[in-house]
PDB file of N, CA and C in Angstrom:
ATOM      1  N   UNK A   1       0.819  -1.184   0.000  1.00  0.00           N
ATOM      2  CA  UNK A   1       0.000   0.000   0.000  1.00  0.00           C
ATOM      3  C   UNK A   1       0.866   1.252   0.000  1.00  0.00           C
ATOM      4  N   UNK A   2       1.978   1.204   0.682  1.00  0.00           N
ATOM      5  CA  UNK A   2       2.862   2.354   0.707  1.00  0.00           C
ATOM      6  C   UNK A   2       3.361   2.714  -0.678  1.00  0.00           C
ATOM      7  N   UNK A   3       3.668   1.684  -1.459  1.00  0.00           N
ATOM      8  CA  UNK A   3       4.135   1.909  -2.821  1.00  0.00           C
ATOM      9  C   UNK A   3       3.040   2.562  -3.673  1.00  0.00           C
ATOM     10  N   UNK A   4       1.799   2.155  -3.452  1.00  0.00           N
ATOM     11  CA  UNK A   4       0.670   2.702  -4.208  1.00  0.00           C
ATOM     12  C   UNK A   4       0.403   4.170  -3.872  1.00  0.00           C
ATOM     13  N   UNK A   5       0.800   4.603  -2.697  1.00  0.00           N
ATOM     14  CA  UNK A   5       0.607   6.009  -2.327  1.00  0.00           C
ATOM     15  C   UNK A   5       1.760   6.885  -2.786  1.00  0.00           C
ATOM     16  N   UNK A   6       2.904   6.281  -3.080  1.00  0.00           N
ATOM     17  CA  UNK A   6       4.092   7.050  -3.457  1.00  0.00           C
ATOM     18  C   UNK A   6       4.354   7.095  -4.961  1.00  0.00           C
ATOM     19  N   UNK A   7       3.811   6.142  -5.710  1.00  0.00           N
ATOM     20  CA  UNK A   7       4.062   6.083  -7.149  1.00  0.00           C
ATOM     21  C   UNK A   7       3.102   7.019  -7.877  1.00  0.00           C
ATOM     22  N   UNK A   8       3.603   8.079  -8.525  1.00  0.00           N
ATOM     23  CA  UNK A   8       2.716   9.017  -9.220  1.00  0.00           C
ATOM     24  C   UNK A   8       2.136   8.409 -10.493  1.00  0.00           C
ATOM     25  N   UNK A   9       1.018   8.978 -10.942  1.00  0.00           N
ATOM     26  CA  UNK A   9       0.395   8.528 -12.180  1.00  0.00           C
ATOM     27  C   UNK A   9      -0.934   7.842 -11.939  1.00  0.00           C
ATOM     28  N   UNK A  10      -1.458   7.213 -12.994  1.00  0.00           N
ATOM     29  CA  UNK A  10      -2.736   6.508 -12.888  1.00  0.00           C
ATOM     30  C   UNK A  10      -2.651   5.392 -11.851  1.00  0.00           C
ATOM     31  N   UNK A  11      -3.676   5.296 -11.044  1.00  0.00           N
ATOM     32  CA  UNK A  11      -3.724   4.264 -10.024  1.00  0.00           C
ATOM     33  C   UNK A  11      -3.120   4.655  -8.690  1.00  0.00           C
ATOM     34  N   UNK A  12      -2.557   5.844  -8.593  1.00  0.00           N
ATOM     35  CA  UNK A  12      -1.980   6.274  -7.320  1.00  0.00           C
ATOM     36  C   UNK A  12      -3.086   6.514  -6.303  1.00  0.00           C
ATOM     37  N   UNK A  13      -2.894   6.024  -5.105  1.00  0.00           N
ATOM     38  CA  UNK A  13      -3.845   6.278  -4.020  1.00  0.00           C
ATOM     39  C   UNK A  13      -3.634   7.706  -3.540  1.00  0.00           C
ATOM     40  N   UNK A  14      -4.717   8.513  -3.578  1.00  0.00           N
ATOM     41  CA  UNK A  14      -4.605   9.907  -3.161  1.00  0.00           C
ATOM     42  C   UNK A  14      -5.484  10.232  -1.954  1.00  0.00           C
ATOM     43  N   UNK A  15      -6.364   9.292  -1.591  1.00  0.00           N
ATOM     44  CA  UNK A  15      -7.225   9.471  -0.421  1.00  0.00           C
ATOM     45  C   UNK A  15      -7.386   8.113   0.251  1.00  0.00           C
ATOM     46  N   UNK A  16      -7.662   8.138   1.557  1.00  0.00           N
ATOM     47  CA  UNK A  16      -7.775   6.875   2.282  1.00  0.00           C
ATOM     48  C   UNK A  16      -8.725   7.017   3.461  1.00  0.00           C
ATOM     49  N   UNK A  17      -9.395   5.898   3.767  1.00  0.00           N
ATOM     50  CA  UNK A  17     -10.235   5.782   4.949  1.00  0.00           C
ATOM     51  C   UNK A  17      -9.725   4.601   5.748  1.00  0.00           C
ATOM     52  N   UNK A  18      -9.377   4.824   7.010  1.00  0.00           N
ATOM     53  CA  UNK A  18      -8.979   3.728   7.889  1.00  0.00           C
ATOM     54  C   UNK A  18      -9.976   3.638   9.030  1.00  0.00           C
ATOM     55  N   UNK A  19     -10.149   2.421   9.540  1.00  0.00           N
ATOM     56  CA  UNK A  19     -11.082   2.207  10.639  1.00  0.00           C
ATOM     57  C   UNK A  19     -10.451   1.270  11.655  1.00  0.00           C
ATOM     58  N   UNK A  20     -10.175   1.808  12.847  1.00  0.00           N
ATOM     59  CA  UNK A  20      -9.683   1.020  13.980  1.00  0.00           C
ATOM     60  C   UNK A  20      -8.480   0.154  13.631  1.00  0.00           C
ATOM     61  N   UNK A  21      -7.501   0.738  13.009  1.00  0.00           N
ATOM     62  CA  UNK A  21      -6.310  -0.018  12.683  1.00  0.00           C
ATOM     63  C   UNK A  21      -5.089   0.876  12.657  1.00  0.00           C
ATOM     64  N   UNK A  22      -3.941   0.247  12.637  1.00  0.00           N
ATOM     65  CA  UNK A  22      -2.687   0.977  12.591  1.00  0.00           C
ATOM     66  C   UNK A  22      -1.741   0.273  11.609  1.00  0.00           C
ATOM     67  N   UNK A  23      -2.046   0.342  10.284  1.00  0.00           N
ATOM     68  CA  UNK A  23      -1.210  -0.374   9.323  1.00  0.00           C
ATOM     69  C   UNK A  23       0.224   0.116   9.232  1.00  0.00           C
ATOM     70  N   UNK A  24       0.520   1.315   9.702  1.00  0.00           N
ATOM     71  CA  UNK A  24       1.906   1.776   9.695  1.00  0.00           C
ATOM     72  C   UNK A  24       2.748   0.873  10.601  1.00  0.00           C
ATOM     73  N   UNK A  25       2.165   0.406  11.700  1.00  0.00           N
ATOM     74  CA  UNK A  25       2.896  -0.498  12.604  1.00  0.00           C
ATOM     75  C   UNK A  25       2.665  -1.964  12.280  1.00  0.00           C
ATOM     76  N   UNK A  26       1.469  -2.331  11.851  1.00  0.00           N
ATOM     77  CA  UNK A  26       1.144  -3.747  11.691  1.00  0.00           C
ATOM     78  C   UNK A  26       1.350  -4.277  10.282  1.00  0.00           C
ATOM     79  N   UNK A  27       1.496  -3.399   9.300  1.00  0.00           N
ATOM     80  CA  UNK A  27       1.661  -3.839   7.924  1.00  0.00           C
ATOM     81  C   UNK A  27       3.110  -3.910   7.499  1.00  0.00           C
ATOM     82  N   UNK A  28       3.359  -4.526   6.334  1.00  0.00           N
ATOM     83  CA  UNK A  28       4.728  -4.591   5.823  1.00  0.00           C
ATOM     84  C   UNK A  28       5.188  -3.224   5.326  1.00  0.00           C
ATOM     85  N   UNK A  29       6.466  -2.952   5.423  1.00  0.00           N
ATOM     86  CA  UNK A  29       7.056  -1.681   4.981  1.00  0.00           C
ATOM     87  C   UNK A  29       6.320  -0.480   5.569  1.00  0.00           C
ATOM     88  N   UNK A  30       6.152  -0.498   6.865  1.00  0.00           N
ATOM     89  CA  UNK A  30       5.441   0.576   7.550  1.00  0.00           C
ATOM     90  C   UNK A  30       6.058   1.941   7.345  1.00  0.00           C
ATOM     91  N   UNK A  31       7.377   1.987   7.249  1.00  0.00           N
ATOM     92  CA  UNK A  31       8.059   3.266   7.031  1.00  0.00           C
ATOM     93  C   UNK A  31       7.662   3.864   5.690  1.00  0.00           C
ATOM     94  N   UNK A  32       7.487   3.001   4.681  1.00  0.00           N
ATOM     95  CA  UNK A  32       7.091   3.462   3.352  1.00  0.00           C
ATOM     96  C   UNK A  32       5.640   3.948   3.365  1.00  0.00           C
ATOM     97  N   UNK A  33       4.766   3.217   4.059  1.00  0.00           N
ATOM     98  CA  UNK A  33       3.376   3.638   4.183  1.00  0.00           C
ATOM     99  C   UNK A  33       3.275   4.948   4.946  1.00  0.00           C
ATOM    100  N   UNK A  34       4.096   5.109   5.970  1.00  0.00           N
ATOM    101  CA  UNK A  34       4.124   6.351   6.740  1.00  0.00           C
ATOM    102  C   UNK A  34       4.445   7.541   5.836  1.00  0.00           C
ATOM    103  N   UNK A  35       5.422   7.379   4.962  1.00  0.00           N
ATOM    104  CA  UNK A  35       5.761   8.431   4.003  1.00  0.00           C
ATOM    105  C   UNK A  35       4.616   8.678   3.028  1.00  0.00           C
ATOM    106  N   UNK A  36       3.976   7.600   2.580  1.00  0.00           N
ATOM    107  CA  UNK A  36       2.872   7.728   1.632  1.00  0.00           C
ATOM    108  C   UNK A  36       1.657   8.411   2.227  1.00  0.00           C
ATOM    109  N   UNK A  37       1.349   8.080   3.469  1.00  0.00           N
ATOM    110  CA  UNK A  37       0.186   8.705   4.125  1.00  0.00           C
ATOM    111  C   UNK A  37       0.405  10.198   4.323  1.00  0.00           C
ATOM    112  N   UNK A  38       1.640  10.589   4.546  1.00  0.00           N
ATOM    113  CA  UNK A  38       1.953  12.007   4.732  1.00  0.00           C
ATOM    114  C   UNK A  38       1.664  12.809   3.468  1.00  0.00           C
ATOM    115  N   UNK A  39       1.693  12.170   2.302  1.00  0.00           N
ATOM    116  CA  UNK A  39       1.473  12.879   1.052  1.00  0.00           C
ATOM    117  C   UNK A  39       0.068  12.761   0.489  1.00  0.00           C
ATOM    118  N   UNK A  40      -0.855  12.124   1.205  1.00  0.00           N
ATOM    119  CA  UNK A  40      -2.225  11.986   0.708  1.00  0.00           C
ATOM    120  C   UNK A  40      -2.921  13.338   0.626  1.00  0.00           C
ATOM    121  N   UNK A  41      -3.820  13.456  -0.332  1.00  0.00           N
ATOM    122  CA  UNK A  41      -4.602  14.677  -0.447  1.00  0.00           C
ATOM    123  C   UNK A  41      -5.679  14.750   0.633  1.00  0.00           C
ATOM    124  N   UNK A  42      -6.214  13.575   1.023  1.00  0.00           N
ATOM    125  CA  UNK A  42      -7.266  13.556   2.043  1.00  0.00           C
ATOM    126  C   UNK A  42      -7.285  12.197   2.723  1.00  0.00           C
ATOM    127  N   UNK A  43      -7.422  12.218   4.040  1.00  0.00           N
ATOM    128  CA  UNK A  43      -7.494  10.978   4.818  1.00  0.00           C
ATOM    129  C   UNK A  43      -8.464  11.149   5.966  1.00  0.00           C
ATOM    130  N   UNK A  44      -9.311  10.121   6.159  1.00  0.00           N
ATOM    131  CA  UNK A  44     -10.260  10.075   7.274  1.00  0.00           C
ATOM    132  C   UNK A  44      -9.967   8.818   8.073  1.00  0.00           C
ATOM    133  N   UNK A  45      -9.956   8.932   9.388  1.00  0.00           N
ATOM    134  CA  UNK A  45      -9.766   7.777  10.263  1.00  0.00           C
ATOM    135  C   UNK A  45     -10.929   7.694  11.242  1.00  0.00           C
ATOM    136  N   UNK A  46     -11.476   6.495  11.384  1.00  0.00           N
ATOM    137  CA  UNK A  46     -12.495   6.217  12.398  1.00  0.00           C
ATOM    138  C   UNK A  46     -11.771   5.449  13.488  1.00  0.00           C
ATOM    139  N   UNK A  47     -11.457   6.129  14.570  1.00  0.00           N
ATOM    140  CA  UNK A  47     -10.624   5.513  15.611  1.00  0.00           C
ATOM    141  C   UNK A  47     -10.701   6.341  16.887  1.00  0.00           C
ATOM    142  N   UNK A  48     -10.513   5.682  18.018  1.00  0.00           N
ATOM    143  CA  UNK A  48     -10.500   6.410  19.290  1.00  0.00           C
ATOM    144  C   UNK A  48      -9.086   6.784  19.713  1.00  0.00           C
ATOM    145  N   UNK A  49      -8.091   6.323  18.948  1.00  0.00           N
ATOM    146  CA  UNK A  49      -6.698   6.589  19.303  1.00  0.00           C
ATOM    147  C   UNK A  49      -5.998   7.452  18.258  1.00  0.00           C
ATOM    148  N   UNK A  50      -5.075   8.277  18.717  1.00  0.00           N
ATOM    149  CA  UNK A  50      -4.148   8.962  17.835  1.00  0.00           C
ATOM    150  C   UNK A  50      -2.883   8.115  17.822  1.00  0.00           C
ATOM    151  N   UNK A  51      -2.585   7.520  16.662  1.00  0.00           N
ATOM    152  CA  UNK A  51      -1.428   6.634  16.576  1.00  0.00           C
ATOM    153  C   UNK A  51      -0.608   6.956  15.326  1.00  0.00           C
ATOM    154  N   UNK A  52       0.299   6.081  14.968  1.00  0.00           N
ATOM    155  CA  UNK A  52       1.205   6.322  13.845  1.00  0.00           C
ATOM    156  C   UNK A  52       0.466   6.483  12.517  1.00  0.00           C
ATOM    157  N   UNK A  53      -0.685   5.844  12.387  1.00  0.00           N
ATOM    158  CA  UNK A  53      -1.473   5.953  11.162  1.00  0.00           C
ATOM    159  C   UNK A  53      -2.431   7.129  11.222  1.00  0.00           C
ATOM    160  N   UNK A  54      -3.204   7.239  12.287  1.00  0.00           N
ATOM    161  CA  UNK A  54      -4.238   8.277  12.362  1.00  0.00           C
ATOM    162  C   UNK A  54      -3.660   9.684  12.471  1.00  0.00           C
ATOM    163  N   UNK A  55      -2.405   9.810  12.823  1.00  0.00           N
ATOM    164  CA  UNK A  55      -1.821  11.149  12.922  1.00  0.00           C
ATOM    165  C   UNK A  55      -1.763  11.843  11.571  1.00  0.00           C
ATOM    166  N   UNK A  56      -1.873  11.077  10.485  1.00  0.00           N
ATOM    167  CA  UNK A  56      -1.874  11.645   9.134  1.00  0.00           C
ATOM    168  C   UNK A  56      -3.270  12.076   8.688  1.00  0.00           C
ATOM    169  N   UNK A  57      -4.306  11.688   9.427  1.00  0.00           N
ATOM    170  CA  UNK A  57      -5.678  11.958   9.004  1.00  0.00           C
ATOM    171  C   UNK A  57      -6.012  13.443   9.075  1.00  0.00           C
ATOM    172  N   UNK A  58      -6.750  13.885   8.078  1.00  0.00           N
ATOM    173  CA  UNK A  58      -7.249  15.251   8.079  1.00  0.00           C
ATOM    174  C   UNK A  58      -8.456  15.370   9.006  1.00  0.00           C
ATOM    175  N   UNK A  59      -9.203  14.255   9.117  1.00  0.00           N
ATOM    176  CA  UNK A  59     -10.366  14.194  10.010  1.00  0.00           C
ATOM    177  C   UNK A  59     -10.311  12.868  10.756  1.00  0.00           C
ATOM    178  N   UNK A  60     -10.476  12.922  12.092  1.00  0.00           N
ATOM    179  CA  UNK A  60     -10.585  11.714  12.907  1.00  0.00           C
ATOM    180  C   UNK A  60     -11.983  11.701  13.503  1.00  0.00           C
ATOM    181  N   UNK A  61     -12.746  10.649  13.208  1.00  0.00           N
ATOM    182  CA  UNK A  61     -14.099  10.495  13.719  1.00  0.00           C
ATOM    183  C   UNK A  61     -14.073   9.441  14.823  1.00  0.00           C
ATOM    184  N   UNK A  62     -14.217   9.850  16.078  1.00  0.00           N
ATOM    185  CA  UNK A  62     -14.145   8.872  17.171  1.00  0.00           C
ATOM    186  C   UNK A  62     -15.483   8.159  17.374  1.00  0.00           C
ATOM    187  N   UNK A  63     -15.505   6.822  17.287  1.00  0.00           N
ATOM    188  CA  UNK A  63     -16.732   6.087  17.568  1.00  0.00           C
ATOM    189  C   UNK A  63     -16.933   5.904  19.073  1.00  0.00           C
ATOM    190  N   UNK A  64     -18.010   5.251  19.428  1.00  0.00           N
ATOM    191  CA  UNK A  64     -18.241   4.935  20.836  1.00  0.00           C
ATOM    192  C   UNK A  64     -17.133   4.012  21.333  1.00  0.00           C
ATOM    193  N   UNK A  65     -16.916   4.010  22.622  1.00  0.00           N
ATOM    194  CA  UNK A  65     -15.887   3.152  23.208  1.00  0.00           C
ATOM    195  C   UNK A  65     -16.499   1.821  23.643  1.00  0.00           C
ATOM    196  N   UNK A  66     -15.657   0.919  24.128  1.00  0.00           N
ATOM    197  CA  UNK A  66     -16.110  -0.416  24.525  1.00  0.00           C
ATOM    198  C   UNK A  66     -17.193  -0.375  25.600  1.00  0.00           C
ATOM    199  N   UNK A  67     -17.188   0.630  26.429  1.00  0.00           N
ATOM    200  CA  UNK A  67     -18.155   0.706  27.524  1.00  0.00           C
ATOM    201  C   UNK A  67     -19.502   1.283  27.088  1.00  0.00           C
ATOM    202  N   UNK A  68     -19.576   1.780  25.842  1.00  0.00           N
ATOM    203  CA  UNK A  68     -20.807   2.414  25.365  1.00  0.00           C
ATOM    204  C   UNK A  68     -21.606   1.547  24.390  1.00  0.00           C
ATOM    205  N   UNK A  69     -21.175   0.341  24.133  1.00  0.00           N
ATOM    206  CA  UNK A  69     -21.964  -0.549  23.276  1.00  0.00           C
ATOM    207  C   UNK A  69     -21.868  -1.979  23.789  1.00  0.00           C
ATOM    208  N   UNK A  70     -22.915  -2.765  23.482  1.00  0.00           N
ATOM    209  CA  UNK A  70     -22.905  -4.156  23.915  1.00  0.00           C
ATOM    210  C   UNK A  70     -21.983  -4.963  23.020  1.00  0.00           C
ATOM    211  N   UNK A  71     -21.597  -6.133  23.516  1.00  0.00           N
ATOM    212  CA  UNK A  71     -20.646  -6.954  22.788  1.00  0.00           C
ATOM    213  C   UNK A  71     -20.969  -8.423  23.034  1.00  0.00           C
ATOM    214  N   UNK A  72     -20.928  -9.181  21.968  1.00  0.00           N
ATOM    215  CA  UNK A  72     -21.034 -10.639  22.065  1.00  0.00           C
ATOM    216  C   UNK A  72     -19.736 -11.205  21.515  1.00  0.00           C
ATOM    217  N   UNK A  73     -18.931 -11.790  22.376  1.00  0.00           N
ATOM    218  CA  UNK A  73     -17.620 -12.299  21.977  1.00  0.00           C
ATOM    219  C   UNK A  73     -17.764 -13.482  21.021  1.00  0.00           C
ATOM    220  N   UNK A  74     -17.168 -13.341  19.852  1.00  0.00           N
ATOM    221  CA  UNK A  74     -17.181 -14.430  18.873  1.00  0.00           C
ATOM    222  C   UNK A  74     -15.791 -15.002  18.631  1.00  0.00           C
ATOM    223  N   UNK A  75     -14.843 -14.148  18.338  1.00  0.00           N
ATOM    224  CA  UNK A  75     -13.523 -14.601  17.905  1.00  0.00           C
ATOM    225  C   UNK A  75     -12.810 -15.442  18.959  1.00  0.00           C
ATOM    226  N   UNK A  76     -12.765 -14.984  20.190  1.00  0.00           N
ATOM    227  CA  UNK A  76     -12.008 -15.708  21.213  1.00  0.00           C
ATOM    228  C   UNK A  76     -12.702 -16.992  21.641  1.00  0.00           C
ATOM    229  N   UNK A  77     -13.992 -17.043  21.482  1.00  0.00           N
ATOM    230  CA  UNK A  77     -14.717 -18.256  21.860  1.00  0.00           C
ATOM    231  C   UNK A  77     -14.418 -19.411  20.918  1.00  0.00           C
ATOM    232  N   UNK A  78     -13.968 -19.129  19.715  1.00  0.00           N
ATOM    233  CA  UNK A  78     -13.613 -20.195  18.770  1.00  0.00           C
ATOM    234  C   UNK A  78     -12.383 -20.962  19.253  1.00  0.00           C
ATOM    235  N   UNK A  79     -11.595 -20.351  20.131  1.00  0.00           N
ATOM    236  CA  UNK A  79     -10.381 -20.980  20.634  1.00  0.00           C
ATOM    237  C   UNK A  79     -10.592 -21.671  21.983  1.00  0.00           C
ATOM    238  N   UNK A  80     -11.791 -21.593  22.524  1.00  0.00           N
ATOM    239  CA  UNK A  80     -12.063 -22.145  23.849  1.00  0.00           C
ATOM    240  C   UNK A  80     -12.106 -23.676  23.817  1.00  0.00           C
ATOM    241  N   UNK A  81     -11.806 -24.273  24.947  1.00  0.00           N
ATOM    242  CA  UNK A  81     -11.844 -25.727  25.071  1.00  0.00           C
ATOM    243  C   UNK A  81     -13.291 -26.206  25.193  1.00  0.00           C
ATOM    244  N   UNK A  82     -14.127 -25.429  25.852  1.00  0.00           N
ATOM    245  CA  UNK A  82     -15.540 -25.777  26.039  1.00  0.00           C
ATOM    246  C   UNK A  82     -16.415 -24.768  25.296  1.00  0.00           C
ATOM    247  N   UNK A  83     -17.616 -25.181  24.976  1.00  0.00           N
ATOM    248  CA  UNK A  83     -18.564 -24.271  24.353  1.00  0.00           C
ATOM    249  C   UNK A  83     -19.049 -23.270  25.387  1.00  0.00           C
ATOM    250  N   UNK A  84     -18.850 -22.023  25.109  1.00  0.00           N
ATOM    251  CA  UNK A  84     -19.274 -20.971  26.024  1.00  0.00           C
ATOM    252  C   UNK A  84     -19.864 -19.816  25.217  1.00  0.00           C
ATOM    253  N   UNK A  85     -20.541 -18.951  25.919  1.00  0.00           N
ATOM    254  CA  UNK A  85     -21.070 -17.726  25.312  1.00  0.00           C
ATOM    255  C   UNK A  85     -20.942 -16.621  26.340  1.00  0.00           C
ATOM    256  N   UNK A  86     -20.663 -15.413  25.848  1.00  0.00           N
ATOM    257  CA  UNK A  86     -20.553 -14.287  26.779  1.00  0.00           C
ATOM    258  C   UNK A  86     -21.082 -13.028  26.099  1.00  0.00           C
ATOM    259  N   UNK A  87     -22.066 -12.431  26.731  1.00  0.00           N
ATOM    260  CA  UNK A  87     -22.633 -11.178  26.254  1.00  0.00           C
ATOM    261  C   UNK A  87     -22.324 -10.106  27.291  1.00  0.00           C
ATOM    262  N   UNK A  88     -21.833  -8.972  26.841  1.00  0.00           N
ATOM    263  CA  UNK A  88     -21.522  -7.857  27.733  1.00  0.00           C
ATOM    264  C   UNK A  88     -22.410  -6.675  27.353  1.00  0.00           C
ATOM    265  N   UNK A  89     -23.308  -6.292  28.239  1.00  0.00           N
ATOM    266  CA  UNK A  89     -24.164  -5.135  27.919  1.00  0.00           C
ATOM    267  C   UNK A  89     -23.377  -3.833  28.037  1.00  0.00           C
ATOM    268  N   UNK A  90     -23.895  -2.800  27.424  1.00  0.00           N
ATOM    269  CA  UNK A  90     -23.269  -1.477  27.526  1.00  0.00           C
ATOM    270  C   UNK A  90     -23.390  -0.976  28.961  1.00  0.00           C
ATOM    271  N   UNK A  91     -22.334  -0.377  29.481  1.00  0.00           N
ATOM    272  CA  UNK A  91     -22.358   0.163  30.839  1.00  0.00           C
ATOM    273  C   UNK A  91     -22.852   1.605  30.872  1.00  0.00           C
ATOM    274  N   UNK A  92     -22.576   2.344  29.794  1.00  0.00           N
ATOM    275  CA  UNK A  92     -22.977   3.745  29.718  1.00  0.00           C
ATOM    276  C   UNK A  92     -23.720   3.998  28.423  1.00  0.00           C
ATOM    277  N   UNK A  93     -24.680   4.877  28.465  1.00  0.00           N
ATOM    278  CA  UNK A  93     -25.375   5.278  27.238  1.00  0.00           C
ATOM    279  C   UNK A  93     -24.464   6.217  26.445  1.00  0.00           C
ATOM    280  N   UNK A  94     -24.415   6.058  25.134  1.00  0.00           N
ATOM    281  CA  UNK A  94     -23.593   6.974  24.337  1.00  0.00           C
ATOM    282  C   UNK A  94     -24.117   8.400  24.441  1.00  0.00           C
ATOM    283  N   UNK A  95     -23.219   9.355  24.322  1.00  0.00           N
ATOM    284  CA  UNK A  95     -23.618  10.758  24.357  1.00  0.00           C
ATOM    285  C   UNK A  95     -24.463  11.113  23.145  1.00  0.00           C
ATOM    286  N   UNK A  96     -25.092  12.260  23.163  1.00  0.00           N
ATOM    287  CA  UNK A  96     -25.982  12.637  22.065  1.00  0.00           C
ATOM    288  C   UNK A  96     -25.266  12.851  20.732  1.00  0.00           C
ATOM    289  N   UNK A  97     -24.000  13.197  20.754  1.00  0.00           N
ATOM    290  CA  UNK A  97     -23.264  13.453  19.515  1.00  0.00           C
ATOM    291  C   UNK A  97     -22.338  12.301  19.113  1.00  0.00           C
ATOM    292  N   UNK A  98     -22.405  11.179  19.828  1.00  0.00           N
ATOM    293  CA  UNK A  98     -21.529  10.057  19.500  1.00  0.00           C
ATOM    294  C   UNK A  98     -22.274   9.043  18.639  1.00  0.00           C
ATOM    295  N   UNK A  99     -21.501   8.300  17.863  1.00  0.00           N
ATOM    296  CA  UNK A  99     -22.060   7.271  16.994  1.00  0.00           C
ATOM    297  C   UNK A  99     -21.197   6.013  17.093  1.00  0.00           C
ATOM    298  N   UNK A 100     -21.858   4.879  16.882  1.00  0.00           N
ATOM    299  CA  UNK A 100     -21.115   3.623  16.788  1.00  0.00           C
ATOM    300  C   UNK A 100     -20.351   3.626  15.468  1.00  0.00           C
ATOM    301  N   UNK A 101     -19.310   2.792  15.379  1.00  0.00           N
ATOM    302  CA  UNK A 101     -18.513   2.772  14.152  1.00  0.00           C
ATOM    303  C   UNK A 101     -19.347   2.418  12.925  1.00  0.00           C
ATOM    304  N   UNK A 102     -20.320   1.521  13.081  1.00  0.00           N
ATOM    305  CA  UNK A 102     -21.153   1.163  11.933  1.00  0.00           C
ATOM    306  C   UNK A 102     -22.037   2.325  11.493  1.00  0.00           C
ATOM    307  N   UNK A 103     -22.455   3.167  12.431  1.00  0.00           N
ATOM    308  CA  UNK A 103     -23.245   4.346  12.065  1.00  0.00           C
ATOM    309  C   UNK A 103     -22.392   5.369  11.310  1.00  0.00           C
ATOM    310  N   UNK A 104     -21.144   5.509  11.737  1.00  0.00           N
ATOM    311  CA  UNK A 104     -20.221   6.408  11.034  1.00  0.00           C
ATOM    312  C   UNK A 104     -19.989   5.893   9.615  1.00  0.00           C
ATOM    313  N   UNK A 105     -19.815   4.584   9.467  1.00  0.00           N
ATOM    314  CA  UNK A 105     -19.583   4.010   8.147  1.00  0.00           C
ATOM    315  C   UNK A 105     -20.773   4.219   7.216  1.00  0.00           C
ATOM    316  N   UNK A 106     -21.976   4.158   7.750  1.00  0.00           N
ATOM    317  CA  UNK A 106     -23.156   4.406   6.922  1.00  0.00           C
ATOM    318  C   UNK A 106     -23.235   5.848   6.440  1.00  0.00           C
ATOM    319  N   UNK A 107     -22.711   6.785   7.234  1.00  0.00           N
ATOM    320  CA  UNK A 107     -22.781   8.207   6.877  1.00  0.00           C
ATOM    321  C   UNK A 107     -21.627   8.681   6.017  1.00  0.00           C
ATOM    322  N   UNK A 108     -20.503   7.952   6.055  1.00  0.00           N
ATOM    323  CA  UNK A 108     -19.324   8.382   5.287  1.00  0.00           C
ATOM    324  C   UNK A 108     -19.540   8.076   3.878  1.00  0.00           C
TER     325      UNK A 108
END
C-alpha cells in the first residue's frame, strides 16, 4: 500500500479511509506507508486513538468506546476448550453526539 501512495500517475492512491487499525505499525514496509500517508490529499480515520497511522488523518471520527456498546464475543470463543457464550451489555449510554462505528460508516 505504501508503494501505491508514493508512485505518481494513474492508479496512485490519493485518499484513504482507515477504521480502527494501525497499518503503519502492523503492515509490511510501515516506514514506506508512513511516508505515503503524509502525502495523501485527504485521509479520514475512524478511531478512538491517535497513533502512527491516524496522525496523518485530516479528520478523525471517534466512535463509541467499549463501555458504550454491547458486545457478544465471537472470535475468542472459537479458541475455547468448552462451548461458552458471553454477552456484555453497555455500561454507559452513548452521548448525544456520538455514533457507533457502523453508524459512522453508513454516513461516510
